[in-house]
Amino acid sequence: MKLLISRFIAIIILVIPGFMAMKGFLMMKDAAFLYIAVHGDDQVKDKAFEWLHFGGGLLLFVLGISFLGGWILFRDRKRNYVGPRFKKKRPSKPETSG
């Protein structure tokens, strides 16, 4: 039962950033679509781009994707699935003179 609960918590930890990234993408899409759609309507006087809405969406998207990408990189490093470019750098041994 303890394993089941810990796996459920792990799934929840991964689902929340996924939903954040999804919501951020939708906020950016809505801001861009609204800006384009308003330009076809002559009755609307305020045709400004919603920078705050777009910026908040961009922030949510970047945070969600970076968390998921970092988690995948951490897991793949642990299982030794990554190429030499992404392996952790080991400190070089100091040369001893003697």
PDB file of N, CA and C in Angstrom:
ATOM      1  N   MET A   1       0.820  -1.200   0.000  1.00  0.00           N
ATOM      2  CA  MET A   1       0.000   0.000   0.000  1.00  0.00           C
ATOM      3  C   MET A   1       0.856   1.254   0.000  1.00  0.00           C
ATOM      4  N   LYS A   2       1.991   1.204   0.701  1.00  0.00           N
ATOM      5  CA  LYS A   2       2.870   2.364   0.767  1.00  0.00           C
ATOM      6  C   LYS A   2       3.462   2.684  -0.611  1.00  0.00           C
ATOM      7  N   LEU A   3       3.796   1.646  -1.390  1.00  0.00           N
ATOM      8  CA  LEU A   3       4.331   1.834  -2.733  1.00  0.00           C
ATOM      9  C   LEU A   3       3.283   2.468  -3.645  1.00  0.00           C
ATOM     10  N   LEU A   4       2.047   2.044  -3.494  1.00  0.00           N
ATOM     11  CA  LEU A   4       0.960   2.586  -4.305  1.00  0.00           C
ATOM     12  C   LEU A   4       0.764   4.074  -4.026  1.00  0.00           C
ATOM     13  N   ILE A   5       0.796   4.457  -2.774  1.00  0.00           N
ATOM     14  CA  ILE A   5       0.625   5.869  -2.406  1.00  0.00           C
ATOM     15  C   ILE A   5       1.795   6.699  -2.905  1.00  0.00           C
ATOM     16  N   SER A   6       3.024   6.189  -2.781  1.00  0.00           N
ATOM     17  CA  SER A   6       4.191   6.957  -3.236  1.00  0.00           C
ATOM     18  C   SER A   6       4.177   7.114  -4.752  1.00  0.00           C
ATOM     19  N   ARG A   7       3.730   6.105  -5.486  1.00  0.00           N
ATOM     20  CA  ARG A   7       3.633   6.233  -6.946  1.00  0.00           C
ATOM     21  C   ARG A   7       2.537   7.213  -7.342  1.00  0.00           C
ATOM     22  N   PHE A   8       1.439   7.215  -6.600  1.00  0.00           N
ATOM     23  CA  PHE A   8       0.362   8.169  -6.876  1.00  0.00           C
ATOM     24  C   PHE A   8       0.843   9.601  -6.645  1.00  0.00           C
ATOM     25  N   ILE A   9       1.586   9.820  -5.586  1.00  0.00           N
ATOM     26  CA  ILE A   9       2.139  11.150  -5.309  1.00  0.00           C
ATOM     27  C   ILE A   9       3.106  11.560  -6.407  1.00  0.00           C
ATOM     28  N   ALA A  10       3.924  10.613  -6.887  1.00  0.00           N
ATOM     29  CA  ALA A  10       4.862  10.920  -7.972  1.00  0.00           C
ATOM     30  C   ALA A  10       4.118  11.307  -9.249  1.00  0.00           C
ATOM     31  N   ILE A  11       3.037  10.630  -9.544  1.00  0.00           N
ATOM     32  CA  ILE A  11       2.242  10.969 -10.730  1.00  0.00           C
ATOM     33  C   ILE A  11       1.637  12.364 -10.581  1.00  0.00           C
ATOM     34  N   ILE A  12       1.136  12.670  -9.396  1.00  0.00           N
ATOM     35  CA  ILE A  12       0.553  13.990  -9.150  1.00  0.00           C
ATOM     36  C   ILE A  12       1.620  15.073  -9.318  1.00  0.00           C
ATOM     37  N   ILE A  13       2.839  14.807  -8.847  1.00  0.00           N
ATOM     38  CA  ILE A  13       3.924  15.778  -8.976  1.00  0.00           C
ATOM     39  C   ILE A  13       4.253  16.029 -10.441  1.00  0.00           C
ATOM     40  N   LEU A  14       4.076  15.044 -11.296  1.00  0.00           N
ATOM     41  CA  LEU A  14       4.331  15.231 -12.724  1.00  0.00           C
ATOM     42  C   LEU A  14       3.132  15.817 -13.461  1.00  0.00           C
ATOM     43  N   VAL A  15       1.937  15.557 -12.997  1.00  0.00           N
ATOM     44  CA  VAL A  15       0.745  16.040 -13.693  1.00  0.00           C
ATOM     45  C   VAL A  15       0.562  17.545 -13.489  1.00  0.00           C
ATOM     46  N   ILE A  16       0.871  18.042 -12.314  1.00  0.00           N
ATOM     47  CA  ILE A  16       0.677  19.470 -12.028  1.00  0.00           C
ATOM     48  C   ILE A  16       1.503  20.356 -12.960  1.00  0.00           C
ATOM     49  N   PRO A  17       2.821  20.109 -13.163  1.00  0.00           N
ATOM     50  CA  PRO A  17       3.550  20.932 -14.138  1.00  0.00           C
ATOM     51  C   PRO A  17       3.046  20.747 -15.571  1.00  0.00           C
ATOM     52  N   GLY A  18       2.542  19.568 -15.894  1.00  0.00           N
ATOM     53  CA  GLY A  18       1.967  19.363 -17.217  1.00  0.00           C
ATOM     54  C   GLY A  18       0.735  20.227 -17.430  1.00  0.00           C
ATOM     55  N   PHE A  19      -0.119  20.301 -16.417  1.00  0.00           N
ATOM     56  CA  PHE A  19      -1.283  21.173 -16.504  1.00  0.00           C
ATOM     57  C   PHE A  19      -0.877  22.648 -16.534  1.00  0.00           C
ATOM     58  N   MET A  20       0.179  23.000 -15.798  1.00  0.00           N
ATOM     59  CA  MET A  20       0.675  24.378 -15.846  1.00  0.00           C
ATOM     60  C   MET A  20       1.121  24.740 -17.257  1.00  0.00           C
ATOM     61  N   ALA A  21       1.880  23.852 -17.888  1.00  0.00           N
ATOM     62  CA  ALA A  21       2.361  24.105 -19.246  1.00  0.00           C
ATOM     63  C   ALA A  21       1.193  24.196 -20.230  1.00  0.00           C
ATOM     64  N   MET A  22       0.209  23.323 -20.059  1.00  0.00           N
ATOM     65  CA  MET A  22      -0.959  23.350 -20.931  1.00  0.00           C
ATOM     66  C   MET A  22      -1.732  24.651 -20.772  1.00  0.00           C
ATOM     67  N   LYS A  23      -1.949  25.072 -19.533  1.00  0.00           N
ATOM     68  CA  LYS A  23      -2.693  26.318 -19.282  1.00  0.00           C
ATOM     69  C   LYS A  23      -1.926  27.522 -19.824  1.00  0.00           C
ATOM     70  N   GLY A  24      -0.602  27.505 -19.667  1.00  0.00           N
ATOM     71  CA  GLY A  24       0.208  28.596 -20.195  1.00  0.00           C
ATOM     72  C   GLY A  24       0.134  28.683 -21.706  1.00  0.00           C
ATOM     73  N   PHE A  25       0.196  27.536 -22.373  1.00  0.00           N
ATOM     74  CA  PHE A  25       0.080  27.522 -23.832  1.00  0.00           C
ATOM     75  C   PHE A  25      -1.279  28.051 -24.274  1.00  0.00           C
ATOM     76  N   LEU A  26      -2.337  27.639 -23.575  1.00  0.00           N
ATOM     77  CA  LEU A  26      -3.676  28.107 -23.934  1.00  0.00           C
ATOM     78  C   LEU A  26      -3.836  29.607 -23.686  1.00  0.00           C
ATOM     79  N   MET A  27      -3.218  30.124 -22.625  1.00  0.00           N
ATOM     80  CA  MET A  27      -3.290  31.569 -22.359  1.00  0.00           C
ATOM     81  C   MET A  27      -2.584  32.359 -23.462  1.00  0.00           C
ATOM     82  N   MET A  28      -1.417  31.874 -23.895  1.00  0.00           N
ATOM     83  CA  MET A  28      -0.696  32.551 -24.986  1.00  0.00           C
ATOM     84  C   MET A  28      -1.495  32.482 -26.280  1.00  0.00           C
ATOM     85  N   LYS A  29      -2.069  31.329 -26.575  1.00  0.00           N
ATOM     86  CA  LYS A  29      -2.869  31.152 -27.785  1.00  0.00           C
ATOM     87  C   LYS A  29      -4.088  32.072 -27.764  1.00  0.00           C
ATOM     88  N   ASP A  30      -4.758  32.154 -26.625  1.00  0.00           N
ATOM     89  CA  ASP A  30      -5.946  33.009 -26.516  1.00  0.00           C
ATOM     90  C   ASP A  30      -5.602  34.479 -26.694  1.00  0.00           C
ATOM     91  N   ALA A  31      -4.478  34.908 -26.120  1.00  0.00           N
ATOM     92  CA  ALA A  31      -4.079  36.308 -26.258  1.00  0.00           C
ATOM     93  C   ALA A  31      -3.779  36.640 -27.715  1.00  0.00           C
ATOM     94  N   ALA A  32      -3.070  35.751 -28.401  1.00  0.00           N
ATOM     95  CA  ALA A  32      -2.755  35.996 -29.809  1.00  0.00           C
ATOM     96  C   ALA A  32      -4.019  35.948 -30.671  1.00  0.00           C
ATOM     97  N   PHE A  33      -4.880  34.978 -30.419  1.00  0.00           N
ATOM     98  CA  PHE A  33      -6.108  34.861 -31.204  1.00  0.00           C
ATOM     99  C   PHE A  33      -7.017  36.062 -30.995  1.00  0.00           C
ATOM    100  N   LEU A  34      -7.144  36.520 -29.749  1.00  0.00           N
ATOM    101  CA  LEU A  34      -7.998  37.672 -29.470  1.00  0.00           C
ATOM    102  C   LEU A  34      -7.485  38.930 -30.167  1.00  0.00           C
ATOM    103  N   TYR A  35      -6.169  39.089 -30.193  1.00  0.00           N
ATOM    104  CA  TYR A  35      -5.582  40.251 -30.855  1.00  0.00           C
ATOM    105  C   TYR A  35      -5.892  40.228 -32.347  1.00  0.00           C
ATOM    106  N   ILE A  36      -5.793  39.053 -32.957  1.00  0.00           N
ATOM    107  CA  ILE A  36      -6.074  38.941 -34.388  1.00  0.00           C
ATOM    108  C   ILE A  36      -7.572  39.083 -34.646  1.00  0.00           C
ATOM    109  N   ALA A  37      -8.402  38.483 -33.810  1.00  0.00           N
ATOM    110  CA  ALA A  37      -9.850  38.526 -34.011  1.00  0.00           C
ATOM    111  C   ALA A  37     -10.414  39.928 -33.827  1.00  0.00           C
ATOM    112  N   VAL A  38      -9.854  40.698 -32.915  1.00  0.00           N
ATOM    113  CA  VAL A  38     -10.355  42.052 -32.648  1.00  0.00           C
ATOM    114  C   VAL A  38     -10.083  42.965 -33.833  1.00  0.00           C
ATOM    115  N   HIS A  39      -9.027  42.709 -34.582  1.00  0.00           N
ATOM    116  CA  HIS A  39      -8.717  43.569 -35.716  1.00  0.00           C
ATOM    117  C   HIS A  39      -9.730  43.420 -36.852  1.00  0.00           C
ATOM    118  N   GLY A  40     -10.542  42.370 -36.847  1.00  0.00           N
ATOM    119  CA  GLY A  40     -11.587  42.226 -37.854  1.00  0.00           C
ATOM    120  C   GLY A  40     -12.890  42.875 -37.452  1.00  0.00           C
ATOM    121  N   ASP A  41     -13.009  43.323 -36.218  1.00  0.00           N
ATOM    122  CA  ASP A  41     -14.245  43.919 -35.714  1.00  0.00           C
ATOM    123  C   ASP A  41     -14.059  45.427 -35.628  1.00  0.00           C
ATOM    124  N   ASP A  42     -14.849  46.168 -36.389  1.00  0.00           N
ATOM    125  CA  ASP A  42     -14.712  47.628 -36.406  1.00  0.00           C
ATOM    126  C   ASP A  42     -15.357  48.299 -35.206  1.00  0.00           C
ATOM    127  N   GLN A  43     -16.226  47.623 -34.477  1.00  0.00           N
ATOM    128  CA  GLN A  43     -16.909  48.220 -33.340  1.00  0.00           C
ATOM    129  C   GLN A  43     -16.030  48.283 -32.096  1.00  0.00           C
ATOM    130  N   VAL A  44     -14.973  47.495 -32.047  1.00  0.00           N
ATOM    131  CA  VAL A  44     -14.085  47.475 -30.877  1.00  0.00           C
ATOM    132  C   VAL A  44     -13.061  48.581 -31.029  1.00  0.00           C
ATOM    133  N   LYS A  45     -12.987  49.458 -30.011  1.00  0.00           N
ATOM    134  CA  LYS A  45     -12.065  50.584 -30.075  1.00  0.00           C
ATOM    135  C   LYS A  45     -10.685  50.218 -29.512  1.00  0.00           C
ATOM    136  N   ASP A  46     -10.648  49.383 -28.479  1.00  0.00           N
ATOM    137  CA  ASP A  46      -9.377  49.007 -27.847  1.00  0.00           C
ATOM    138  C   ASP A  46      -8.827  47.758 -28.539  1.00  0.00           C
ATOM    139  N   LYS A  47      -7.803  47.953 -29.365  1.00  0.00           N
ATOM    140  CA  LYS A  47      -7.221  46.841 -30.104  1.00  0.00           C
ATOM    141  C   LYS A  47      -5.802  46.545 -29.623  1.00  0.00           C
ATOM    142  N   ALA A  48      -5.566  46.682 -28.334  1.00  0.00           N
ATOM    143  CA  ALA A  48      -4.237  46.462 -27.772  1.00  0.00           C
ATOM    144  C   ALA A  48      -4.008  44.972 -27.517  1.00  0.00           C
ATOM    145  N   PHE A  49      -2.754  44.602 -27.597  1.00  0.00           N
ATOM    146  CA  PHE A  49      -2.370  43.212 -27.320  1.00  0.00           C
ATOM    147  C   PHE A  49      -2.318  43.016 -25.811  1.00  0.00           C
ATOM    148  N   GLU A  50      -2.795  41.887 -25.326  1.00  0.00           N
ATOM    149  CA  GLU A  50      -2.835  41.603 -23.888  1.00  0.00           C
ATOM    150  C   GLU A  50      -1.488  41.025 -23.451  1.00  0.00           C
ATOM    151  N   TRP A  51      -0.548  41.910 -23.187  1.00  0.00           N
ATOM    152  CA  TRP A  51       0.806  41.471 -22.842  1.00  0.00           C
ATOM    153  C   TRP A  51       0.869  40.761 -21.502  1.00  0.00           C
ATOM    154  N   LEU A  52       0.080  41.194 -20.541  1.00  0.00           N
ATOM    155  CA  LEU A  52       0.091  40.560 -19.224  1.00  0.00           C
ATOM    156  C   LEU A  52      -0.433  39.121 -19.309  1.00  0.00           C
ATOM    157  N   HIS A  53      -1.488  38.936 -20.056  1.00  0.00           N
ATOM    158  CA  HIS A  53      -2.054  37.598 -20.252  1.00  0.00           C
ATOM    159  C   HIS A  53      -1.052  36.701 -20.982  1.00  0.00           C
ATOM    160  N   PHE A  54      -0.433  37.238 -22.028  1.00  0.00           N
ATOM    161  CA  PHE A  54       0.537  36.473 -22.797  1.00  0.00           C
ATOM    162  C   PHE A  54       1.784  36.170 -21.967  1.00  0.00           C
ATOM    163  N   GLY A  55       2.270  37.154 -21.206  1.00  0.00           N
ATOM    164  CA  GLY A  55       3.455  36.947 -20.372  1.00  0.00           C
ATOM    165  C   GLY A  55       3.217  35.938 -19.254  1.00  0.00           C
ATOM    166  N   GLY A  56       2.035  35.983 -18.647  1.00  0.00           N
ATOM    167  CA  GLY A  56       1.706  34.992 -17.627  1.00  0.00           C
ATOM    168  C   GLY A  56       1.641  33.588 -18.206  1.00  0.00           C
ATOM    169  N   GLY A  57       1.081  33.483 -19.401  1.00  0.00           N
ATOM    170  CA  GLY A  57       1.036  32.194 -20.075  1.00  0.00           C
ATOM    171  C   GLY A  57       2.420  31.689 -20.429  1.00  0.00           C
ATOM    172  N   LEU A  58       3.275  32.597 -20.887  1.00  0.00           N
ATOM    173  CA  LEU A  58       4.649  32.210 -21.217  1.00  0.00           C
ATOM    174  C   LEU A  58       5.396  31.738 -19.978  1.00  0.00           C
ATOM    175  N   LEU A  59       5.186  32.432 -18.877  1.00  0.00           N
ATOM    176  CA  LEU A  59       5.837  32.031 -17.624  1.00  0.00           C
ATOM    177  C   LEU A  59       5.360  30.648 -17.171  1.00  0.00           C
ATOM    178  N   LEU A  60       4.061  30.422 -17.203  1.00  0.00           N
ATOM    179  CA  LEU A  60       3.524  29.103 -16.826  1.00  0.00           C
ATOM    180  C   LEU A  60       4.054  28.008 -17.747  1.00  0.00           C
ATOM    181  N   PHE A  61       4.091  28.293 -19.039  1.00  0.00           N
ATOM    182  CA  PHE A  61       4.560  27.310 -20.011  1.00  0.00           C
ATOM    183  C   PHE A  61       6.027  26.963 -19.784  1.00  0.00           C
ATOM    184  N   VAL A  62       6.857  27.973 -19.605  1.00  0.00           N
ATOM    185  CA  VAL A  62       8.295  27.731 -19.414  1.00  0.00           C
ATOM    186  C   VAL A  62       8.551  26.992 -18.107  1.00  0.00           C
ATOM    187  N   LEU A  63       7.865  27.368 -17.035  1.00  0.00           N
ATOM    188  CA  LEU A  63       8.054  26.678 -15.761  1.00  0.00           C
ATOM    189  C   LEU A  63       7.632  25.212 -15.837  1.00  0.00           C
ATOM    190  N   GLY A  64       6.486  24.950 -16.440  1.00  0.00           N
ATOM    191  CA  GLY A  64       6.004  23.576 -16.550  1.00  0.00           C
ATOM    192  C   GLY A  64       6.905  22.710 -17.409  1.00  0.00           C
ATOM    193  N   ILE A  65       7.290  23.215 -18.571  1.00  0.00           N
ATOM    194  CA  ILE A  65       8.137  22.436 -19.474  1.00  0.00           C
ATOM    195  C   ILE A  65       9.528  22.244 -18.889  1.00  0.00           C
ATOM    196  N   SER A  66      10.082  23.262 -18.242  1.00  0.00           N
ATOM    197  CA  SER A  66      11.431  23.107 -17.669  1.00  0.00           C
ATOM    198  C   SER A  66      11.428  22.106 -16.513  1.00  0.00           C
ATOM    199  N   PHE A  67      10.371  22.076 -15.707  1.00  0.00           N
ATOM    200  CA  PHE A  67      10.294  21.078 -14.640  1.00  0.00           C
ATOM    201  C   PHE A  67      10.237  19.673 -15.226  1.00  0.00           C
ATOM    202  N   LEU A  68       9.381  19.470 -16.217  1.00  0.00           N
ATOM    203  CA  LEU A  68       9.268  18.143 -16.827  1.00  0.00           C
ATOM    204  C   LEU A  68      10.563  17.737 -17.527  1.00  0.00           C
ATOM    205  N   GLY A  69      11.186  18.671 -18.233  1.00  0.00           N
ATOM    206  CA  GLY A  69      12.447  18.367 -18.898  1.00  0.00           C
ATOM    207  C   GLY A  69      13.562  18.057 -17.917  1.00  0.00           C
ATOM    208  N   GLY A  70      13.624  18.796 -16.817  1.00  0.00           N
ATOM    209  CA  GLY A  70      14.623  18.520 -15.793  1.00  0.00           C
ATOM    210  C   GLY A  70      14.404  17.185 -15.120  1.00  0.00           C
ATOM    211  N   TRP A  71      13.143  16.831 -14.898  1.00  0.00           N
ATOM    212  CA  TRP A  71      12.847  15.536 -14.289  1.00  0.00           C
ATOM    213  C   TRP A  71      13.259  14.392 -15.213  1.00  0.00           C
ATOM    214  N   ILE A  72      12.984  14.539 -16.507  1.00  0.00           N
ATOM    215  CA  ILE A  72      13.362  13.498 -17.467  1.00  0.00           C
ATOM    216  C   ILE A  72      14.880  13.386 -17.561  1.00  0.00           C
ATOM    217  N   LEU A  73      15.580  14.520 -17.581  1.00  0.00           N
ATOM    218  CA  LEU A  73      17.044  14.484 -17.639  1.00  0.00           C
ATOM    219  C   LEU A  73      17.625  13.841 -16.377  1.00  0.00           C
ATOM    220  N   PHE A  74      17.083  14.173 -15.212  1.00  0.00           N
ATOM    221  CA  PHE A  74      17.550  13.571 -13.957  1.00  0.00           C
ATOM    222  C   PHE A  74      17.351  12.056 -13.970  1.00  0.00           C
ATOM    223  N   ARG A  75      16.173  11.620 -14.416  1.00  0.00           N
ATOM    224  CA  ARG A  75      15.876  10.184 -14.459  1.00  0.00           C
ATOM    225  C   ARG A  75      16.784   9.463 -15.454  1.00  0.00           C
ATOM    226  N   ASP A  76      17.006  10.073 -16.624  1.00  0.00           N
ATOM    227  CA  ASP A  76      17.846   9.430 -17.623  1.00  0.00           C
ATOM    228  C   ASP A  76      19.314   9.417 -17.207  1.00  0.00           C
ATOM    229  N   ARG A  77      19.765  10.441 -16.499  1.00  0.00           N
ATOM    230  CA  ARG A  77      21.143  10.423 -15.980  1.00  0.00           C
ATOM    231  C   ARG A  77      21.314   9.305 -14.959  1.00  0.00           C
ATOM    232  N   LYS A  78      20.311   9.124 -14.125  1.00  0.00           N
ATOM    233  CA  LYS A  78      20.378   8.098 -13.091  1.00  0.00           C
ATOM    234  C   LYS A  78      20.447   6.705 -13.713  1.00  0.00           C
ATOM    235  N   ARG A  79      19.730   6.503 -14.810  1.00  0.00           N
ATOM    236  CA  ARG A  79      19.708   5.196 -15.472  1.00  0.00           C
ATOM    237  C   ARG A  79      20.766   5.069 -16.565  1.00  0.00           C
ATOM    238  N   ASN A  80      21.582   6.100 -16.738  1.00  0.00           N
ATOM    239  CA  ASN A  80      22.684   6.116 -17.706  1.00  0.00           C
ATOM    240  C   ASN A  80      22.169   5.980 -19.143  1.00  0.00           C
ATOM    241  N   TYR A  81      21.104   6.711 -19.468  1.00  0.00           N
ATOM    242  CA  TYR A  81      20.537   6.706 -20.813  1.00  0.00           C
ATOM    243  C   TYR A  81      21.005   7.886 -21.657  1.00  0.00           C
ATOM    244  N   VAL A  82      21.718   8.825 -21.086  1.00  0.00           N
ATOM    245  CA  VAL A  82      22.071  10.049 -21.792  1.00  0.00           C
ATOM    246  C   VAL A  82      23.423   9.895 -22.472  1.00  0.00           C
ATOM    247  N   GLY A  83      23.630  10.728 -23.478  1.00  0.00           N
ATOM    248  CA  GLY A  83      24.909  10.741 -24.173  1.00  0.00           C
ATOM    249  C   GLY A  83      25.958  11.467 -23.354  1.00  0.00           C
ATOM    250  N   PRO A  84      27.187  11.454 -23.849  1.00  0.00           N
ATOM    251  CA  PRO A  84      28.273  12.077 -23.073  1.00  0.00           C
ATOM    252  C   PRO A  84      28.099  13.581 -22.868  1.00  0.00           C
ATOM    253  N   ARG A  85      27.363  14.218 -23.750  1.00  0.00           N
ATOM    254  CA  ARG A  85      27.150  15.662 -23.622  1.00  0.00           C
ATOM    255  C   ARG A  85      26.367  16.016 -22.355  1.00  0.00           C
ATOM    256  N   PHE A  86      25.438  15.162 -21.936  1.00  0.00           N
ATOM    257  CA  PHE A  86      24.560  15.450 -20.812  1.00  0.00           C
ATOM    258  C   PHE A  86      24.952  14.744 -19.524  1.00  0.00           C
ATOM    259  N   LYS A  87      26.052  14.022 -19.537  1.00  0.00           N
ATOM    260  CA  LYS A  87      26.485  13.359 -18.300  1.00  0.00           C
ATOM    261  C   LYS A  87      27.052  14.391 -17.350  1.00  0.00           C
ATOM    262  N   LYS A  88      26.963  14.101 -16.055  1.00  0.00           N
ATOM    263  CA  LYS A  88      27.496  15.024 -15.059  1.00  0.00           C
ATOM    264  C   LYS A  88      29.002  15.109 -15.199  1.00  0.00           C
ATOM    265  N   LYS A  89      29.510  16.317 -15.062  1.00  0.00           N
ATOM    266  CA  LYS A  89      30.945  16.531 -15.148  1.00  0.00           C
ATOM    267  C   LYS A  89      31.590  16.114 -13.840  1.00  0.00           C
ATOM    268  N   ARG A  90      32.578  15.259 -13.943  1.00  0.00           N
ATOM    269  CA  ARG A  90      33.310  14.839 -12.753  1.00  0.00           C
ATOM    270  C   ARG A  90      34.486  15.772 -12.557  1.00  0.00           C
ATOM    271  N   PRO A  91      34.772  16.149 -11.322  1.00  0.00           N
ATOM    272  CA  PRO A  91      35.938  17.018 -11.105  1.00  0.00           C
ATOM    273  C   PRO A  91      37.209  16.262 -11.453  1.00  0.00           C
ATOM    274  N   SER A  92      38.087  16.943 -12.161  1.00  0.00           N
ATOM    275  CA  SER A  92      39.340  16.295 -12.561  1.00  0.00           C
ATOM    276  C   SER A  92      40.249  16.151 -11.343  1.00  0.00           C
ATOM    277  N   LYS A  93      41.015  15.079 -11.352  1.00  0.00           N
ATOM    278  CA  LYS A  93      41.924  14.826 -10.229  1.00  0.00           C
ATOM    279  C   LYS A  93      43.117  15.764 -10.338  1.00  0.00           C
ATOM    280  N   PRO A  94      43.495  16.370  -9.232  1.00  0.00           N
ATOM    281  CA  PRO A  94      44.671  17.260  -9.301  1.00  0.00           C
ATOM    282  C   PRO A  94      45.938  16.407  -9.497  1.00  0.00           C
ATOM    283  N   GLU A  95      46.793  16.914 -10.337  1.00  0.00           N
ATOM    284  CA  GLU A  95      48.051  16.199 -10.575  1.00  0.00           C
ATOM    285  C   GLU A  95      48.967  16.361  -9.388  1.00  0.00           C
ATOM    286  N   THR A  96      49.527  15.241  -8.965  1.00  0.00           N
ATOM    287  CA  THR A  96      50.444  15.279  -7.835  1.00  0.00           C
ATOM    288  C   THR A  96      51.869  15.248  -8.355  1.00  0.00           C
ATOM    289  N   SER A  97      52.660  16.108  -7.838  1.00  0.00           N
ATOM    290  CA  SER A  97      54.059  16.113  -8.257  1.00  0.00           C
ATOM    291  C   SER A  97      54.860  15.347  -7.217  1.00  0.00           C
ATOM    292  N   GLY A  98      55.724  14.518  -7.704  1.00  0.00           N
ATOM    293  CA  GLY A  98      56.472  13.793  -6.699  1.00  0.00           C
ATOM    294  C   GLY A  98      57.264  12.736  -7.185  1.00  0.00           C
TER     295      GLY A  98
END
